[in-house]
Amino acid sequence: MLFRSNKGRIPDTKAKDDQAKDDSIPLQAQKLSVRFDILPEISYLDDRLCCLLIDLFPILEGFPDAVWISQKTCEEGLDFCQLNFWAFSADPEAIKEFSIWFQSIFRNEEVSGLLERFVRHALEKPNEAEVLLSDWSRVHVTDNEVREIVGHELHLRKKTDQ
C-alpha cells in the first residue's frame, strides 16, 4: 500500500479566481459515504474509532493536497457501519480530482482490507465478526444543504484560526 507524506499542510480556504459558477458558495463541497457490512451482527461498535478511519484518507497516495475532510459521522445498524463525511476545497479542480480518487482508492484490495480490519477491531468482539466494505459513494445533497454545510465549515475554520 502506498502512503504519502502529509507534511503538516493546511489547505487554503480562500476561493480561487476560477471558482465554480455559483460565487455565493466560496468552497466546493461533496458529501460522501463508506459502508461496511458486518456479519453476523454488531454487539458494540466504537464509532469514535471508526470516524478516525476517515482521518487516514489524506495519507493515502493520490489524495489531493487542496482537499480536506470534515464533519464526520458514523451510523450503525444491526449489521452495518456507515461513515459519512464532507470533502471541501476552494479549488473546483481539486474536488473533481478527489472525487476520482475516492471512487478508485477502495478498489485496491490492500486499502479495502486495511479498512475492513480497522472496522473489525472497533467491534467489541472482533474475532466473532466478518466485516466487508460494501459501498463507497457520493451522497446526493441539495444546493441549500451545500450552502449550509459550507457556511458551517467556514465558521468552524474561522474559530480554529483564532
Protein backbone atom coordinates (compact mmCIF):
# COMPACT_ATOMS: atom_id res chain seq x y z
CA MET A 1 0.00 0.00 0.00
CA LEU A 2 1.34 3.40 -0.86
CA PHE A 3 1.31 6.20 1.67
CA ARG A 4 2.47 9.75 1.20
CA SER A 5 3.81 12.43 3.47
CA ASN A 6 1.23 14.88 4.84
CA LYS A 7 3.90 17.43 5.88
CA GLY A 8 1.51 19.32 8.19
CA ARG A 9 -0.28 21.10 5.37
CA ILE A 10 -3.34 23.23 5.94
CA PRO A 11 -5.33 23.79 2.76
CA ASP A 12 -6.05 27.34 1.69
CA THR A 13 -9.75 28.06 2.23
CA LYS A 14 -9.82 31.24 0.13
CA ALA A 15 -11.78 30.90 -3.09
CA LYS A 16 -9.81 30.82 -6.33
CA ASP A 17 -10.49 33.17 -9.25
CA ASP A 18 -11.79 30.27 -11.30
CA GLN A 19 -14.35 29.31 -8.64
CA ALA A 20 -17.39 27.36 -9.82
CA LYS A 21 -20.29 29.18 -11.43
CA ASP A 22 -22.07 29.90 -8.13
CA ASP A 23 -19.96 32.57 -6.44
CA SER A 24 -22.25 32.56 -3.41
CA ILE A 25 -20.58 29.29 -2.32
CA PRO A 26 -16.91 30.04 -1.52
CA LEU A 27 -15.95 26.37 -1.17
CA GLN A 28 -16.60 23.25 -3.18
CA ALA A 29 -18.16 20.52 -1.04
CA GLN A 30 -19.17 16.90 -1.50
CA LYS A 31 -20.85 14.59 0.96
CA LEU A 32 -19.53 11.04 0.82
CA SER A 33 -20.26 7.73 2.44
CA VAL A 34 -18.38 4.48 3.07
CA ARG A 35 -20.43 1.47 4.17
CA PHE A 36 -19.28 -1.74 5.80
CA ASP A 37 -21.50 -4.80 6.22
CA ILE A 38 -20.93 -6.65 9.48
CA LEU A 39 -21.88 -10.29 9.88
CA PRO A 40 -23.46 -11.80 11.87
CA GLU A 41 -24.36 -8.55 13.68
CA ILE A 42 -22.88 -5.77 15.80
CA SER A 43 -22.70 -6.19 19.55
CA TYR A 44 -20.83 -2.94 20.25
CA LEU A 45 -19.02 -0.63 17.86
CA ASP A 46 -16.67 2.15 18.92
CA ASP A 47 -17.93 4.76 16.48
CA ARG A 48 -15.24 7.26 17.52
CA LEU A 49 -12.61 4.78 16.39
CA CYS A 50 -14.44 4.29 13.09
CA CYS A 51 -14.51 8.06 12.48
CA LEU A 52 -10.73 8.07 12.92
CA LEU A 53 -10.59 5.81 9.90
CA ILE A 54 -11.55 8.75 7.70
CA ASP A 55 -8.53 10.65 9.04
CA LEU A 56 -6.32 8.07 7.28
CA PHE A 57 -7.54 9.08 3.83
CA PRO A 58 -5.24 12.12 3.40
CA ILE A 59 -2.12 9.99 3.93
CA LEU A 60 -3.03 7.59 1.12
CA GLU A 61 -1.30 8.12 -2.20
CA GLY A 62 -3.16 10.33 -4.64
CA PHE A 63 -5.21 12.28 -2.09
CA PRO A 64 -5.34 15.87 -3.47
CA ASP A 65 -3.41 18.44 -1.41
CA ALA A 66 -6.08 21.14 -1.75
CA VAL A 67 -8.84 18.99 -0.21
CA TRP A 68 -9.68 18.43 3.43
CA ILE A 69 -12.22 16.23 5.19
CA SER A 70 -14.50 17.41 7.96
CA GLN A 71 -17.81 16.82 9.72
CA LYS A 72 -17.52 13.06 10.09
CA THR A 73 -20.31 10.89 11.46
CA CYS A 74 -20.81 7.19 11.98
CA GLU A 75 -24.18 5.48 11.61
CA GLU A 76 -24.61 1.94 12.76
CA GLY A 77 -27.33 -0.62 12.42
CA LEU A 78 -27.60 -4.23 13.48
CA ASP A 79 -25.44 -5.38 10.59
CA PHE A 80 -23.69 -2.35 9.14
CA CYS A 81 -21.50 0.64 9.85
CA GLN A 82 -21.71 3.68 7.59
CA LEU A 83 -19.21 6.52 7.73
CA ASN A 84 -20.39 9.86 6.36
CA PHE A 85 -18.21 12.89 5.83
CA TRP A 86 -17.75 16.03 3.76
CA ALA A 87 -14.81 16.82 1.49
CA PHE A 88 -14.03 20.53 0.97
CA SER A 89 -11.81 22.56 -1.31
CA ALA A 90 -11.58 26.12 -2.58
CA ASP A 91 -10.40 24.71 -5.90
CA PRO A 92 -13.05 23.10 -8.17
CA GLU A 93 -10.40 21.03 -9.96
CA ALA A 94 -9.13 19.61 -6.67
CA ILE A 95 -12.61 18.46 -5.64
CA LYS A 96 -13.03 16.78 -9.05
CA GLU A 97 -9.65 15.09 -8.58
CA PHE A 98 -10.75 13.97 -5.10
CA SER A 99 -13.96 12.50 -6.49
CA ILE A 100 -11.98 10.39 -8.97
CA TRP A 101 -9.52 9.36 -6.23
CA PHE A 102 -12.38 8.43 -3.87
CA GLN A 103 -14.07 6.21 -6.46
CA SER A 104 -10.84 4.37 -7.29
CA ILE A 105 -8.97 4.00 -3.96
CA PHE A 106 -11.32 1.37 -2.49
CA ARG A 107 -10.81 -0.90 -5.49
CA ASN A 108 -7.29 -1.51 -4.18
CA GLU A 109 -7.54 -4.76 -2.19
CA GLU A 110 -4.82 -3.68 0.26
CA VAL A 111 -6.71 -0.49 1.09
CA SER A 112 -10.12 -2.14 1.41
CA GLY A 113 -8.60 -4.95 3.51
CA LEU A 114 -6.93 -2.48 5.85
CA LEU A 115 -10.17 -0.52 6.30
CA GLU A 116 -12.16 -3.70 6.95
CA ARG A 117 -9.66 -4.80 9.64
CA PHE A 118 -9.80 -1.35 11.20
CA VAL A 119 -13.60 -1.52 11.50
CA ARG A 120 -13.48 -5.14 12.74
CA HIS A 121 -11.18 -4.10 15.57
CA ALA A 122 -13.60 -1.32 16.54
CA LEU A 123 -16.09 -4.07 17.44
CA GLU A 124 -16.41 -5.42 20.95
CA LYS A 125 -15.78 -8.98 19.70
CA PRO A 126 -13.61 -8.56 16.59
CA ASN A 127 -12.86 -12.26 16.18
CA GLU A 128 -16.54 -13.17 16.02
CA ALA A 129 -17.48 -10.94 13.07
CA GLU A 130 -16.78 -10.56 9.41
CA VAL A 131 -16.54 -7.02 8.01
CA LEU A 132 -16.94 -6.33 4.30
CA LEU A 133 -16.55 -2.99 2.57
CA SER A 134 -19.80 -2.94 0.61
CA ASP A 135 -20.22 0.57 -0.78
CA TRP A 136 -18.49 3.90 -1.20
CA SER A 137 -20.30 6.71 -2.91
CA ARG A 138 -21.06 10.37 -3.17
CA VAL A 139 -24.28 11.30 -1.40
CA HIS A 140 -26.72 13.49 -3.32
CA VAL A 141 -27.41 16.76 -1.47
CA THR A 142 -29.26 19.91 -2.46
CA ASP A 143 -27.64 23.27 -3.19
CA ASN A 144 -29.17 24.59 0.03
CA GLU A 145 -27.56 21.77 2.04
CA VAL A 146 -24.20 22.58 0.43
CA ARG A 147 -24.57 26.29 1.27
CA GLU A 148 -25.47 25.43 4.85
CA ILE A 149 -22.59 22.99 5.36
CA VAL A 150 -20.08 25.32 3.70
CA GLY A 151 -21.20 28.14 6.00
CA HIS A 152 -20.81 25.84 8.99
CA GLU A 153 -17.37 24.71 7.82
CA LEU A 154 -16.16 28.28 7.29
CA HIS A 155 -17.41 29.15 10.78
CA LEU A 156 -15.55 26.17 12.27
CA ARG A 157 -12.33 27.04 10.44
CA LYS A 158 -12.58 30.68 11.47
CA LYS A 159 -12.97 29.59 15.11
CA THR A 160 -9.90 27.36 14.95
CA ASP A 161 -7.82 30.08 13.25
CA GLN A 162 -8.36 32.47 16.16
